[in-house]
Amino acid sequence: MSGKKTPARKSSTASNSGGAPSASSNVDQCDLLIDVDLEGVRLPRLARAKMNDLLQIVLAAEGQFPTVVCVDDEGEILGSLSAFLNLALLIRCLRAGVKYQVFVTQLRPGGCHVVGGRAV
């Protein structure tokens, strides 16, 4: 036995476990990129949507479960964000008071695509 110990190294791989970052970490877990098709698009609002429309992301109550929706400057819901990789983290950040916004980047019959992130 040589008595030498292998030094412990921090992993450089990001975890999707949803745990809190370590105290020494400078990573802002709420700095999320949102690049997704909206679900449950409301067709009357979609008919008025234009490319590059700015939408705010907010939490809405749908029964006992939180729903993340995109609203226009009049407070009308265009559609919701669901089933994407960081949805649970996005909900936690919204509950903590972080603001997010997205821009409409693609319009098509019955749907649209949005891209954005943390509001400045």
PDB file of N, CA and C in Angstrom:
ATOM      1  N   MET A   1       0.830  -1.182   0.000  1.00  0.00           N
ATOM      2  CA  MET A   1       0.000   0.000   0.000  1.00  0.00           C
ATOM      3  C   MET A   1       0.867   1.234   0.000  1.00  0.00           C
ATOM      4  N   SER A   2       0.543   2.166  -0.856  1.00  0.00           N
ATOM      5  CA  SER A   2       1.357   3.355  -0.956  1.00  0.00           C
ATOM      6  C   SER A   2       0.894   4.439  -0.003  1.00  0.00           C
ATOM      7  N   GLY A   3      -0.331   4.386   0.464  1.00  0.00           N
ATOM      8  CA  GLY A   3      -0.832   5.396   1.376  1.00  0.00           C
ATOM      9  C   GLY A   3      -1.314   6.654   0.677  1.00  0.00           C
ATOM     10  N   LYS A   4      -1.177   6.725  -0.646  1.00  0.00           N
ATOM     11  CA  LYS A   4      -1.657   7.894  -1.377  1.00  0.00           C
ATOM     12  C   LYS A   4      -3.160   7.768  -1.588  1.00  0.00           C
ATOM     13  N   LYS A   5      -3.834   8.909  -1.476  1.00  0.00           N
ATOM     14  CA  LYS A   5      -5.268   8.938  -1.734  1.00  0.00           C
ATOM     15  C   LYS A   5      -5.512   9.712  -3.020  1.00  0.00           C
ATOM     16  N   THR A   6      -6.459   9.230  -3.764  1.00  0.00           N
ATOM     17  CA  THR A   6      -6.837   9.942  -4.973  1.00  0.00           C
ATOM     18  C   THR A   6      -7.667  11.152  -4.557  1.00  0.00           C
ATOM     19  N   PRO A   7      -7.301  12.352  -5.007  1.00  0.00           N
ATOM     20  CA  PRO A   7      -8.069  13.526  -4.616  1.00  0.00           C
ATOM     21  C   PRO A   7      -9.474  13.473  -5.197  1.00  0.00           C
ATOM     22  N   ALA A   8     -10.432  13.916  -4.397  1.00  0.00           N
ATOM     23  CA  ALA A   8     -11.819  13.970  -4.847  1.00  0.00           C
ATOM     24  C   ALA A   8     -11.959  15.106  -5.856  1.00  0.00           C
ATOM     25  N   ARG A   9     -12.720  14.846  -6.898  1.00  0.00           N
ATOM     26  CA  ARG A   9     -12.951  15.875  -7.906  1.00  0.00           C
ATOM     27  C   ARG A   9     -14.443  16.135  -8.009  1.00  0.00           C
ATOM     28  N   LYS A  10     -14.764  17.385  -8.237  1.00  0.00           N
ATOM     29  CA  LYS A  10     -16.154  17.728  -8.468  1.00  0.00           C
ATOM     30  C   LYS A  10     -16.523  17.318  -9.882  1.00  0.00           C
ATOM     31  N   SER A  11     -17.711  16.831 -10.033  1.00  0.00           N
ATOM     32  CA  SER A  11     -18.191  16.452 -11.356  1.00  0.00           C
ATOM     33  C   SER A  11     -18.515  17.701 -12.152  1.00  0.00           C
ATOM     34  N   SER A  12     -18.190  17.687 -13.419  1.00  0.00           N
ATOM     35  CA  SER A  12     -18.525  18.815 -14.272  1.00  0.00           C
ATOM     36  C   SER A  12     -19.832  18.570 -15.021  1.00  0.00           C
ATOM     37  N   THR A  13     -20.462  17.455 -14.754  1.00  0.00           N
ATOM     38  CA  THR A  13     -21.705  17.126 -15.429  1.00  0.00           C
ATOM     39  C   THR A  13     -22.879  17.732 -14.685  1.00  0.00           C
ATOM     40  N   ALA A  14     -23.742  18.437 -15.396  1.00  0.00           N
ATOM     41  CA  ALA A  14     -24.925  19.026 -14.778  1.00  0.00           C
ATOM     42  C   ALA A  14     -25.908  17.925 -14.432  1.00  0.00           C
ATOM     43  N   SER A  15     -26.564  18.091 -13.332  1.00  0.00           N
ATOM     44  CA  SER A  15     -27.550  17.125 -12.883  1.00  0.00           C
ATOM     45  C   SER A  15     -28.948  17.648 -13.153  1.00  0.00           C
ATOM     46  N   ASN A  16     -29.850  16.767 -13.488  1.00  0.00           N
ATOM     47  CA  ASN A  16     -31.231  17.147 -13.703  1.00  0.00           C
ATOM     48  C   ASN A  16     -32.077  16.691 -12.526  1.00  0.00           C
ATOM     49  N   SER A  17     -31.467  16.531 -11.361  1.00  0.00           N
ATOM     50  CA  SER A  17     -32.189  16.022 -10.205  1.00  0.00           C
ATOM     51  C   SER A  17     -33.053  17.066  -9.544  1.00  0.00           C
ATOM     52  N   GLY A  18     -32.847  18.337  -9.851  1.00  0.00           N
ATOM     53  CA  GLY A  18     -33.673  19.380  -9.280  1.00  0.00           C
ATOM     54  C   GLY A  18     -33.241  19.817  -7.896  1.00  0.00           C
ATOM     55  N   GLY A  19     -32.134  19.302  -7.407  1.00  0.00           N
ATOM     56  CA  GLY A  19     -31.659  19.699  -6.087  1.00  0.00           C
ATOM     57  C   GLY A  19     -31.065  21.094  -6.109  1.00  0.00           C
ATOM     58  N   ALA A  20     -30.892  21.660  -4.939  1.00  0.00           N
ATOM     59  CA  ALA A  20     -30.317  22.997  -4.836  1.00  0.00           C
ATOM     60  C   ALA A  20     -28.827  22.943  -5.136  1.00  0.00           C
ATOM     61  N   PRO A  21     -28.288  23.987  -5.720  1.00  0.00           N
ATOM     62  CA  PRO A  21     -26.858  23.997  -5.992  1.00  0.00           C
ATOM     63  C   PRO A  21     -26.079  24.093  -4.686  1.00  0.00           C
ATOM     64  N   SER A  22     -24.828  23.650  -4.719  1.00  0.00           N
ATOM     65  CA  SER A  22     -24.006  23.737  -3.522  1.00  0.00           C
ATOM     66  C   SER A  22     -23.681  25.194  -3.233  1.00  0.00           C
ATOM     67  N   ALA A  23     -23.315  25.489  -2.009  1.00  0.00           N
ATOM     68  CA  ALA A  23     -23.030  26.856  -1.591  1.00  0.00           C
ATOM     69  C   ALA A  23     -21.885  27.468  -2.394  1.00  0.00           C
ATOM     70  N   SER A  24     -20.962  26.646  -2.861  1.00  0.00           N
ATOM     71  CA  SER A  24     -19.823  27.172  -3.598  1.00  0.00           C
ATOM     72  C   SER A  24     -20.113  27.350  -5.087  1.00  0.00           C
ATOM     73  N   SER A  25     -21.283  26.913  -5.523  1.00  0.00           N
ATOM     74  CA  SER A  25     -21.624  26.994  -6.939  1.00  0.00           C
ATOM     75  C   SER A  25     -22.067  28.399  -7.316  1.00  0.00           C
ATOM     76  N   ASN A  26     -21.593  28.882  -8.462  1.00  0.00           N
ATOM     77  CA  ASN A  26     -22.004  30.186  -8.971  1.00  0.00           C
ATOM     78  C   ASN A  26     -23.063  30.042 -10.063  1.00  0.00           C
ATOM     79  N   VAL A  27     -23.572  28.835 -10.254  1.00  0.00           N
ATOM     80  CA  VAL A  27     -24.543  28.575 -11.301  1.00  0.00           C
ATOM     81  C   VAL A  27     -25.908  29.099 -10.878  1.00  0.00           C
ATOM     82  N   ASP A  28     -26.522  29.890 -11.739  1.00  0.00           N
ATOM     83  CA  ASP A  28     -27.878  30.392 -11.497  1.00  0.00           C
ATOM     84  C   ASP A  28     -28.843  29.420 -12.164  1.00  0.00           C
ATOM     85  N   GLN A  29     -29.445  28.551 -11.381  1.00  0.00           N
ATOM     86  CA  GLN A  29     -30.329  27.544 -11.951  1.00  0.00           C
ATOM     87  C   GLN A  29     -31.586  28.143 -12.557  1.00  0.00           C
ATOM     88  N   CYS A  30     -31.926  29.373 -12.207  1.00  0.00           N
ATOM     89  CA  CYS A  30     -33.119  30.013 -12.769  1.00  0.00           C
ATOM     90  C   CYS A  30     -32.831  30.738 -14.077  1.00  0.00           C
ATOM     91  N   ASP A  31     -31.591  30.684 -14.550  1.00  0.00           N
ATOM     92  CA  ASP A  31     -31.248  31.287 -15.832  1.00  0.00           C
ATOM     93  C   ASP A  31     -31.551  30.257 -16.919  1.00  0.00           C
ATOM     94  N   LEU A  32     -32.831  30.144 -17.265  1.00  0.00           N
ATOM     95  CA  LEU A  32     -33.307  29.101 -18.163  1.00  0.00           C
ATOM     96  C   LEU A  32     -33.544  29.633 -19.571  1.00  0.00           C
ATOM     97  N   LEU A  33     -33.268  28.816 -20.561  1.00  0.00           N
ATOM     98  CA  LEU A  33     -33.629  29.105 -21.942  1.00  0.00           C
ATOM     99  C   LEU A  33     -34.936  28.370 -22.209  1.00  0.00           C
ATOM    100  N   ILE A  34     -35.921  29.101 -22.698  1.00  0.00           N
ATOM    101  CA  ILE A  34     -37.212  28.512 -23.036  1.00  0.00           C
ATOM    102  C   ILE A  34     -37.332  28.559 -24.551  1.00  0.00           C
ATOM    103  N   ASP A  35     -37.475  27.414 -25.166  1.00  0.00           N
ATOM    104  CA  ASP A  35     -37.526  27.278 -26.615  1.00  0.00           C
ATOM    105  C   ASP A  35     -38.484  26.130 -26.899  1.00  0.00           C
ATOM    106  N   VAL A  36     -39.782  26.449 -27.049  1.00  0.00           N
ATOM    107  CA  VAL A  36     -40.786  25.395 -27.030  1.00  0.00           C
ATOM    108  C   VAL A  36     -42.040  25.805 -27.805  1.00  0.00           C
ATOM    109  N   ASP A  37     -42.776  24.811 -28.289  1.00  0.00           N
ATOM    110  CA  ASP A  37     -44.107  25.040 -28.846  1.00  0.00           C
ATOM    111  C   ASP A  37     -45.080  25.184 -27.681  1.00  0.00           C
ATOM    112  N   LEU A  38     -45.993  26.124 -27.792  1.00  0.00           N
ATOM    113  CA  LEU A  38     -47.017  26.281 -26.766  1.00  0.00           C
ATOM    114  C   LEU A  38     -48.052  25.172 -26.899  1.00  0.00           C
ATOM    115  N   GLU A  39     -48.592  24.771 -25.773  1.00  0.00           N
ATOM    116  CA  GLU A  39     -49.657  23.777 -25.716  1.00  0.00           C
ATOM    117  C   GLU A  39     -50.961  24.490 -25.396  1.00  0.00           C
ATOM    118  N   GLY A  40     -52.066  23.873 -25.729  1.00  0.00           N
ATOM    119  CA  GLY A  40     -53.368  24.424 -25.374  1.00  0.00           C
ATOM    120  C   GLY A  40     -53.568  25.840 -25.879  1.00  0.00           C
ATOM    121  N   VAL A  41     -53.110  26.100 -27.092  1.00  0.00           N
ATOM    122  CA  VAL A  41     -53.182  27.449 -27.652  1.00  0.00           C
ATOM    123  C   VAL A  41     -54.646  27.875 -27.787  1.00  0.00           C
ATOM    124  N   ARG A  42     -54.909  29.096 -27.356  1.00  0.00           N
ATOM    125  CA  ARG A  42     -56.254  29.659 -27.452  1.00  0.00           C
ATOM    126  C   ARG A  42     -56.388  30.349 -28.804  1.00  0.00           C
ATOM    127  N   LEU A  43     -57.205  29.768 -29.640  1.00  0.00           N
ATOM    128  CA  LEU A  43     -57.294  30.202 -31.033  1.00  0.00           C
ATOM    129  C   LEU A  43     -57.721  31.657 -31.216  1.00  0.00           C
ATOM    130  N   PRO A  44     -58.665  32.197 -30.431  1.00  0.00           N
ATOM    131  CA  PRO A  44     -58.986  33.620 -30.619  1.00  0.00           C
ATOM    132  C   PRO A  44     -57.780  34.529 -30.389  1.00  0.00           C
ATOM    133  N   ARG A  45     -56.961  34.217 -29.395  1.00  0.00           N
ATOM    134  CA  ARG A  45     -55.765  35.013 -29.132  1.00  0.00           C
ATOM    135  C   ARG A  45     -54.710  34.767 -30.206  1.00  0.00           C
ATOM    136  N   LEU A  46     -54.594  33.525 -30.656  1.00  0.00           N
ATOM    137  CA  LEU A  46     -53.627  33.189 -31.699  1.00  0.00           C
ATOM    138  C   LEU A  46     -53.924  33.967 -32.986  1.00  0.00           C
ATOM    139  N   ALA A  47     -55.199  34.189 -33.283  1.00  0.00           N
ATOM    140  CA  ALA A  47     -55.582  34.917 -34.494  1.00  0.00           C
ATOM    141  C   ALA A  47     -55.044  36.348 -34.480  1.00  0.00           C
ATOM    142  N   ARG A  48     -54.791  36.914 -33.283  1.00  0.00           N
ATOM    143  CA  ARG A  48     -54.270  38.278 -33.178  1.00  0.00           C
ATOM    144  C   ARG A  48     -52.756  38.313 -32.966  1.00  0.00           C
ATOM    145  N   ALA A  49     -52.138  37.159 -32.801  1.00  0.00           N
ATOM    146  CA  ALA A  49     -50.698  37.103 -32.524  1.00  0.00           C
ATOM    147  C   ALA A  49     -49.893  37.469 -33.755  1.00  0.00           C
ATOM    148  N   LYS A  50     -48.740  38.071 -33.495  1.00  0.00           N
ATOM    149  CA  LYS A  50     -47.815  38.445 -34.562  1.00  0.00           C
ATOM    150  C   LYS A  50     -46.423  37.929 -34.198  1.00  0.00           C
ATOM    151  N   MET A  51     -45.603  37.799 -35.206  1.00  0.00           N
ATOM    152  CA  MET A  51     -44.210  37.426 -34.965  1.00  0.00           C
ATOM    153  C   MET A  51     -43.588  38.454 -34.025  1.00  0.00           C
ATOM    154  N   ASN A  52     -42.747  37.995 -33.133  1.00  0.00           N
ATOM    155  CA  ASN A  52     -42.009  38.804 -32.162  1.00  0.00           C
ATOM    156  C   ASN A  52     -42.885  39.412 -31.070  1.00  0.00           C
ATOM    157  N   ASP A  53     -44.146  39.003 -30.945  1.00  0.00           N
ATOM    158  CA  ASP A  53     -44.958  39.452 -29.811  1.00  0.00           C
ATOM    159  C   ASP A  53     -44.257  39.032 -28.518  1.00  0.00           C
ATOM    160  N   LEU A  54     -44.236  39.939 -27.553  1.00  0.00           N
ATOM    161  CA  LEU A  54     -43.649  39.659 -26.249  1.00  0.00           C
ATOM    162  C   LEU A  54     -44.734  39.111 -25.329  1.00  0.00           C
ATOM    163  N   LEU A  55     -44.444  37.979 -24.683  1.00  0.00           N
ATOM    164  CA  LEU A  55     -45.372  37.343 -23.754  1.00  0.00           C
ATOM    165  C   LEU A  55     -44.689  37.156 -22.410  1.00  0.00           C
ATOM    166  N   GLN A  56     -45.446  37.358 -21.344  1.00  0.00           N
ATOM    167  CA  GLN A  56     -44.942  37.109 -19.998  1.00  0.00           C
ATOM    168  C   GLN A  56     -45.307  35.683 -19.602  1.00  0.00           C
ATOM    169  N   ILE A  57     -44.444  35.047 -18.841  1.00  0.00           N
ATOM    170  CA  ILE A  57     -44.706  33.703 -18.341  1.00  0.00           C
ATOM    171  C   ILE A  57     -45.137  33.825 -16.882  1.00  0.00           C
ATOM    172  N   VAL A  58     -46.287  33.253 -16.573  1.00  0.00           N
ATOM    173  CA  VAL A  58     -46.826  33.342 -15.222  1.00  0.00           C
ATOM    174  C   VAL A  58     -47.398  31.992 -14.800  1.00  0.00           C
ATOM    175  N   LEU A  59     -47.567  31.844 -13.482  1.00  0.00           N
ATOM    176  CA  LEU A  59     -48.221  30.656 -12.938  1.00  0.00           C
ATOM    177  C   LEU A  59     -49.713  30.912 -12.864  1.00  0.00           C
ATOM    178  N   ALA A  60     -50.492  29.925 -13.261  1.00  0.00           N
ATOM    179  CA  ALA A  60     -51.945  29.999 -13.149  1.00  0.00           C
ATOM    180  C   ALA A  60     -52.414  28.749 -12.418  1.00  0.00           C
ATOM    181  N   ALA A  61     -53.455  28.884 -11.647  1.00  0.00           N
ATOM    182  CA  ALA A  61     -53.984  27.739 -10.909  1.00  0.00           C
ATOM    183  C   ALA A  61     -54.974  26.979 -11.783  1.00  0.00           C
ATOM    184  N   GLU A  62     -54.696  25.722 -12.005  1.00  0.00           N
ATOM    185  CA  GLU A  62     -55.603  24.828 -12.717  1.00  0.00           C
ATOM    186  C   GLU A  62     -55.855  23.661 -11.774  1.00  0.00           C
ATOM    187  N   GLY A  63     -56.898  23.779 -10.965  1.00  0.00           N
ATOM    188  CA  GLY A  63     -57.146  22.753  -9.968  1.00  0.00           C
ATOM    189  C   GLY A  63     -56.068  22.815  -8.907  1.00  0.00           C
ATOM    190  N   GLN A  64     -55.562  21.686  -8.513  1.00  0.00           N
ATOM    191  CA  GLN A  64     -54.527  21.664  -7.469  1.00  0.00           C
ATOM    192  C   GLN A  64     -53.110  21.739  -8.032  1.00  0.00           C
ATOM    193  N   PHE A  65     -52.983  21.713  -9.349  1.00  0.00           N
ATOM    194  CA  PHE A  65     -51.664  21.714  -9.968  1.00  0.00           C
ATOM    195  C   PHE A  65     -51.354  23.067 -10.588  1.00  0.00           C
ATOM    196  N   PRO A  66     -50.101  23.519 -10.478  1.00  0.00           N
ATOM    197  CA  PRO A  66     -49.734  24.788 -11.122  1.00  0.00           C
ATOM    198  C   PRO A  66     -49.624  24.599 -12.628  1.00  0.00           C
ATOM    199  N   THR A  67     -50.012  25.618 -13.351  1.00  0.00           N
ATOM    200  CA  THR A  67     -49.889  25.622 -14.802  1.00  0.00           C
ATOM    201  C   THR A  67     -49.087  26.852 -15.188  1.00  0.00           C
ATOM    202  N   VAL A  68     -48.143  26.686 -16.092  1.00  0.00           N
ATOM    203  CA  VAL A  68     -47.336  27.800 -16.567  1.00  0.00           C
ATOM    204  C   VAL A  68     -47.924  28.258 -17.896  1.00  0.00           C
ATOM    205  N   VAL A  69     -48.327  29.536 -17.938  1.00  0.00           N
ATOM    206  CA  VAL A  69     -48.975  30.062 -19.135  1.00  0.00           C
ATOM    207  C   VAL A  69     -48.229  31.283 -19.658  1.00  0.00           C
ATOM    208  N   CYS A  70     -48.440  31.566 -20.934  1.00  0.00           N
ATOM    209  CA  CYS A  70     -47.897  32.762 -21.573  1.00  0.00           C
ATOM    210  C   CYS A  70     -49.042  33.729 -21.798  1.00  0.00           C
ATOM    211  N   VAL A  71     -48.889  34.955 -21.286  1.00  0.00           N
ATOM    212  CA  VAL A  71     -49.937  35.959 -21.420  1.00  0.00           C
ATOM    213  C   VAL A  71     -49.409  37.159 -22.194  1.00  0.00           C
ATOM    214  N   ASP A  72     -50.335  37.813 -22.926  1.00  0.00           N
ATOM    215  CA  ASP A  72     -49.962  38.989 -23.701  1.00  0.00           C
ATOM    216  C   ASP A  72     -50.030  40.237 -22.834  1.00  0.00           C
ATOM    217  N   ASP A  73     -49.820  41.397 -23.448  1.00  0.00           N
ATOM    218  CA  ASP A  73     -49.807  42.645 -22.682  1.00  0.00           C
ATOM    219  C   ASP A  73     -51.187  43.044 -22.164  1.00  0.00           C
ATOM    220  N   GLU A  74     -52.240  42.363 -22.621  1.00  0.00           N
ATOM    221  CA  GLU A  74     -53.588  42.601 -22.110  1.00  0.00           C
ATOM    222  C   GLU A  74     -53.973  41.585 -21.037  1.00  0.00           C
ATOM    223  N   GLY A  75     -53.034  40.697 -20.702  1.00  0.00           N
ATOM    224  CA  GLY A  75     -53.283  39.686 -19.692  1.00  0.00           C
ATOM    225  C   GLY A  75     -54.029  38.463 -20.191  1.00  0.00           C
ATOM    226  N   GLU A  76     -54.190  38.350 -21.510  1.00  0.00           N
ATOM    227  CA  GLU A  76     -54.872  37.193 -22.088  1.00  0.00           C
ATOM    228  C   GLU A  76     -53.887  36.052 -22.298  1.00  0.00           C
ATOM    229  N   ILE A  77     -54.329  34.845 -22.000  1.00  0.00           N
ATOM    230  CA  ILE A  77     -53.491  33.658 -22.171  1.00  0.00           C
ATOM    231  C   ILE A  77     -53.466  33.242 -23.632  1.00  0.00           C
ATOM    232  N   LEU A  78     -52.248  33.066 -24.161  1.00  0.00           N
ATOM    233  CA  LEU A  78     -52.087  32.541 -25.517  1.00  0.00           C
ATOM    234  C   LEU A  78     -51.992  31.020 -25.480  1.00  0.00           C
ATOM    235  N   GLY A  79     -51.252  30.502 -24.527  1.00  0.00           N
ATOM    236  CA  GLY A  79     -51.082  29.055 -24.416  1.00  0.00           C
ATOM    237  C   GLY A  79     -50.258  28.727 -23.189  1.00  0.00           C
ATOM    238  N   SER A  80     -49.958  27.462 -23.011  1.00  0.00           N
ATOM    239  CA  SER A  80     -49.226  27.032 -21.819  1.00  0.00           C
ATOM    240  C   SER A  80     -47.927  26.329 -22.184  1.00  0.00           C
ATOM    241  N   LEU A  81     -47.047  26.274 -21.198  1.00  0.00           N
ATOM    242  CA  LEU A  81     -45.783  25.551 -21.316  1.00  0.00           C
ATOM    243  C   LEU A  81     -45.945  24.260 -20.533  1.00  0.00           C
ATOM    244  N   SER A  82     -45.703  23.145 -21.186  1.00  0.00           N
ATOM    245  CA  SER A  82     -45.822  21.878 -20.465  1.00  0.00           C
ATOM    246  C   SER A  82     -44.883  20.844 -21.057  1.00  0.00           C
ATOM    247  N   ALA A  83     -44.548  19.876 -20.244  1.00  0.00           N
ATOM    248  CA  ALA A  83     -43.773  18.707 -20.668  1.00  0.00           C
ATOM    249  C   ALA A  83     -42.474  19.048 -21.372  1.00  0.00           C
ATOM    250  N   PHE A  84     -41.695  19.954 -20.788  1.00  0.00           N
ATOM    251  CA  PHE A  84     -40.344  20.149 -21.304  1.00  0.00           C
ATOM    252  C   PHE A  84     -39.372  19.951 -20.155  1.00  0.00           C
ATOM    253  N   LEU A  85     -38.117  19.774 -20.460  1.00  0.00           N
ATOM    254  CA  LEU A  85     -37.099  19.318 -19.530  1.00  0.00           C
ATOM    255  C   LEU A  85     -37.062  20.068 -18.202  1.00  0.00           C
ATOM    256  N   ASN A  86     -37.100  21.386 -18.214  1.00  0.00           N
ATOM    257  CA  ASN A  86     -36.929  22.148 -16.973  1.00  0.00           C
ATOM    258  C   ASN A  86     -38.221  22.739 -16.418  1.00  0.00           C
ATOM    259  N   LEU A  87     -39.358  22.119 -16.688  1.00  0.00           N
ATOM    260  CA  LEU A  87     -40.632  22.671 -16.240  1.00  0.00           C
ATOM    261  C   LEU A  87     -40.712  22.770 -14.714  1.00  0.00           C
ATOM    262  N   ALA A  88     -40.317  21.737 -13.998  1.00  0.00           N
ATOM    263  CA  ALA A  88     -40.376  21.770 -12.531  1.00  0.00           C
ATOM    264  C   ALA A  88     -39.477  22.877 -11.977  1.00  0.00           C
ATOM    265  N   LEU A  89     -38.306  23.049 -12.549  1.00  0.00           N
ATOM    266  CA  LEU A  89     -37.397  24.114 -12.118  1.00  0.00           C
ATOM    267  C   LEU A  89     -37.992  25.479 -12.444  1.00  0.00           C
ATOM    268  N   LEU A  90     -38.599  25.618 -13.617  1.00  0.00           N
ATOM    269  CA  LEU A  90     -39.248  26.877 -13.994  1.00  0.00           C
ATOM    270  C   LEU A  90     -40.339  27.232 -12.991  1.00  0.00           C
ATOM    271  N   ILE A  91     -41.130  26.272 -12.582  1.00  0.00           N
ATOM    272  CA  ILE A  91     -42.186  26.521 -11.595  1.00  0.00           C
ATOM    273  C   ILE A  91     -41.584  26.979 -10.273  1.00  0.00           C
ATOM    274  N   ARG A  92     -40.529  26.332  -9.829  1.00  0.00           N
ATOM    275  CA  ARG A  92     -39.873  26.747  -8.572  1.00  0.00           C
ATOM    276  C   ARG A  92     -39.345  28.173  -8.677  1.00  0.00           C
ATOM    277  N   CYS A  93     -38.744  28.513  -9.802  1.00  0.00           N
ATOM    278  CA  CYS A  93     -38.195  29.860  -9.978  1.00  0.00           C
ATOM    279  C   CYS A  93     -39.311  30.902 -10.041  1.00  0.00           C
ATOM    280  N   LEU A  94     -40.403  30.595 -10.726  1.00  0.00           N
ATOM    281  CA  LEU A  94     -41.542  31.513 -10.765  1.00  0.00           C
ATOM    282  C   LEU A  94     -42.091  31.742  -9.356  1.00  0.00           C
ATOM    283  N   ARG A  95     -42.199  30.683  -8.583  1.00  0.00           N
ATOM    284  CA  ARG A  95     -42.683  30.808  -7.194  1.00  0.00           C
ATOM    285  C   ARG A  95     -41.734  31.643  -6.345  1.00  0.00           C
ATOM    286  N   ALA A  96     -40.449  31.632  -6.697  1.00  0.00           N
ATOM    287  CA  ALA A  96     -39.451  32.414  -5.958  1.00  0.00           C
ATOM    288  C   ALA A  96     -39.415  33.872  -6.419  1.00  0.00           C
ATOM    289  N   GLY A  97     -40.235  34.212  -7.423  1.00  0.00           N
ATOM    290  CA  GLY A  97     -40.320  35.593  -7.866  1.00  0.00           C
ATOM    291  C   GLY A  97     -39.523  35.942  -9.103  1.00  0.00           C
ATOM    292  N   VAL A  98     -38.904  34.965  -9.737  1.00  0.00           N
ATOM    293  CA  VAL A  98     -38.149  35.230 -10.962  1.00  0.00           C
ATOM    294  C   VAL A  98     -39.146  35.463 -12.095  1.00  0.00           C
ATOM    295  N   LYS A  99     -38.892  36.473 -12.903  1.00  0.00           N
ATOM    296  CA  LYS A  99     -39.764  36.824 -14.026  1.00  0.00           C
ATOM    297  C   LYS A  99     -39.173  36.292 -15.325  1.00  0.00           C
ATOM    298  N   TYR A 100     -40.051  35.801 -16.196  1.00  0.00           N
ATOM    299  CA  TYR A 100     -39.633  35.272 -17.494  1.00  0.00           C
ATOM    300  C   TYR A 100     -40.497  35.868 -18.590  1.00  0.00           C
ATOM    301  N   GLN A 101     -39.910  35.956 -19.782  1.00  0.00           N
ATOM    302  CA  GLN A 101     -40.651  36.410 -20.951  1.00  0.00           C
ATOM    303  C   GLN A 101     -40.169  35.640 -22.172  1.00  0.00           C
ATOM    304  N   VAL A 102     -41.054  35.536 -23.147  1.00  0.00           N
ATOM    305  CA  VAL A 102     -40.724  34.864 -24.397  1.00  0.00           C
ATOM    306  C   VAL A 102     -41.237  35.702 -25.559  1.00  0.00           C
ATOM    307  N   PHE A 103     -40.698  35.440 -26.732  1.00  0.00           N
ATOM    308  CA  PHE A 103     -41.133  36.083 -27.962  1.00  0.00           C
ATOM    309  C   PHE A 103     -41.693  35.018 -28.888  1.00  0.00           C
ATOM    310  N   VAL A 104     -42.748  35.366 -29.615  1.00  0.00           N
ATOM    311  CA  VAL A 104     -43.302  34.463 -30.619  1.00  0.00           C
ATOM    312  C   VAL A 104     -42.324  34.417 -31.789  1.00  0.00           C
ATOM    313  N   THR A 105     -41.854  33.216 -32.111  1.00  0.00           N
ATOM    314  CA  THR A 105     -40.874  33.072 -33.185  1.00  0.00           C
ATOM    315  C   THR A 105     -41.420  32.320 -34.390  1.00  0.00           C
ATOM    316  N   GLN A 106     -42.562  31.680 -34.212  1.00  0.00           N
ATOM    317  CA  GLN A 106     -43.158  30.955 -35.330  1.00  0.00           C
ATOM    318  C   GLN A 106     -44.661  30.881 -35.114  1.00  0.00           C
ATOM    319  N   LEU A 107     -45.417  31.192 -36.148  1.00  0.00           N
ATOM    320  CA  LEU A 107     -46.881  31.072 -36.117  1.00  0.00           C
ATOM    321  C   LEU A 107     -47.307  30.078 -37.185  1.00  0.00           C
ATOM    322  N   ARG A 108     -48.269  29.246 -36.850  1.00  0.00           N
ATOM    323  CA  ARG A 108     -48.827  28.297 -37.812  1.00  0.00           C
ATOM    324  C   ARG A 108     -50.279  28.034 -37.407  1.00  0.00           C
ATOM    325  N   PRO A 109     -51.080  27.499 -38.283  1.00  0.00           N
ATOM    326  CA  PRO A 109     -52.474  27.242 -37.916  1.00  0.00           C
ATOM    327  C   PRO A 109     -52.562  26.369 -36.664  1.00  0.00           C
ATOM    328  N   GLY A 110     -53.193  26.871 -35.647  1.00  0.00           N
ATOM    329  CA  GLY A 110     -53.399  26.107 -34.420  1.00  0.00           C
ATOM    330  C   GLY A 110     -52.244  26.119 -33.433  1.00  0.00           C
ATOM    331  N   GLY A 111     -51.166  26.827 -33.710  1.00  0.00           N
ATOM    332  CA  GLY A 111     -50.058  26.778 -32.772  1.00  0.00           C
ATOM    333  C   GLY A 111     -49.005  27.840 -33.017  1.00  0.00           C
ATOM    334  N   CYS A 112     -48.062  27.898 -32.081  1.00  0.00           N
ATOM    335  CA  CYS A 112     -46.938  28.807 -32.228  1.00  0.00           C
ATOM    336  C   CYS A 112     -45.761  28.328 -31.401  1.00  0.00           C
ATOM    337  N   HIS A 113     -44.619  28.865 -31.727  1.00  0.00           N
ATOM    338  CA  HIS A 113     -43.364  28.537 -31.047  1.00  0.00           C
ATOM    339  C   HIS A 113     -42.867  29.800 -30.379  1.00  0.00           C
ATOM    340  N   VAL A 114     -42.315  29.661 -29.168  1.00  0.00           N
ATOM    341  CA  VAL A 114     -41.785  30.815 -28.436  1.00  0.00           C
ATOM    342  C   VAL A 114     -40.368  30.528 -27.966  1.00  0.00           C
ATOM    343  N   VAL A 115     -39.586  31.606 -27.841  1.00  0.00           N
ATOM    344  CA  VAL A 115     -38.217  31.514 -27.341  1.00  0.00           C
ATOM    345  C   VAL A 115     -37.984  32.684 -26.388  1.00  0.00           C
ATOM    346  N   GLY A 116     -37.319  32.426 -25.281  1.00  0.00           N
ATOM    347  CA  GLY A 116     -36.995  33.493 -24.339  1.00  0.00           C
ATOM    348  C   GLY A 116     -36.328  32.946 -23.099  1.00  0.00           C
ATOM    349  N   GLY A 117     -36.479  33.706 -22.021  1.00  0.00           N
ATOM    350  CA  GLY A 117     -35.855  33.327 -20.760  1.00  0.00           C
ATOM    351  C   GLY A 117     -36.165  34.339 -19.694  1.00  0.00           C
ATOM    352  N   ARG A 118     -35.238  34.495 -18.776  1.00  0.00           N
ATOM    353  CA  ARG A 118     -35.408  35.419 -17.659  1.00  0.00           C
ATOM    354  C   ARG A 118     -35.585  36.846 -18.174  1.00  0.00           C
ATOM    355  N   ALA A 119     -36.551  37.539 -17.610  1.00  0.00           N
ATOM    356  CA  ALA A 119     -36.796  38.930 -17.988  1.00  0.00           C
ATOM    357  C   ALA A 119     -35.724  39.811 -17.383  1.00  0.00           C
ATOM    358  N   VAL A 120     -35.321  40.809 -18.134  1.00  0.00           N
ATOM    359  CA  VAL A 120     -34.266  41.714 -17.678  1.00  0.00           C
ATOM    360  C   VAL A 120     -34.870  42.849 -16.899  1.00  0.00           C
TER     361      VAL A 120
END
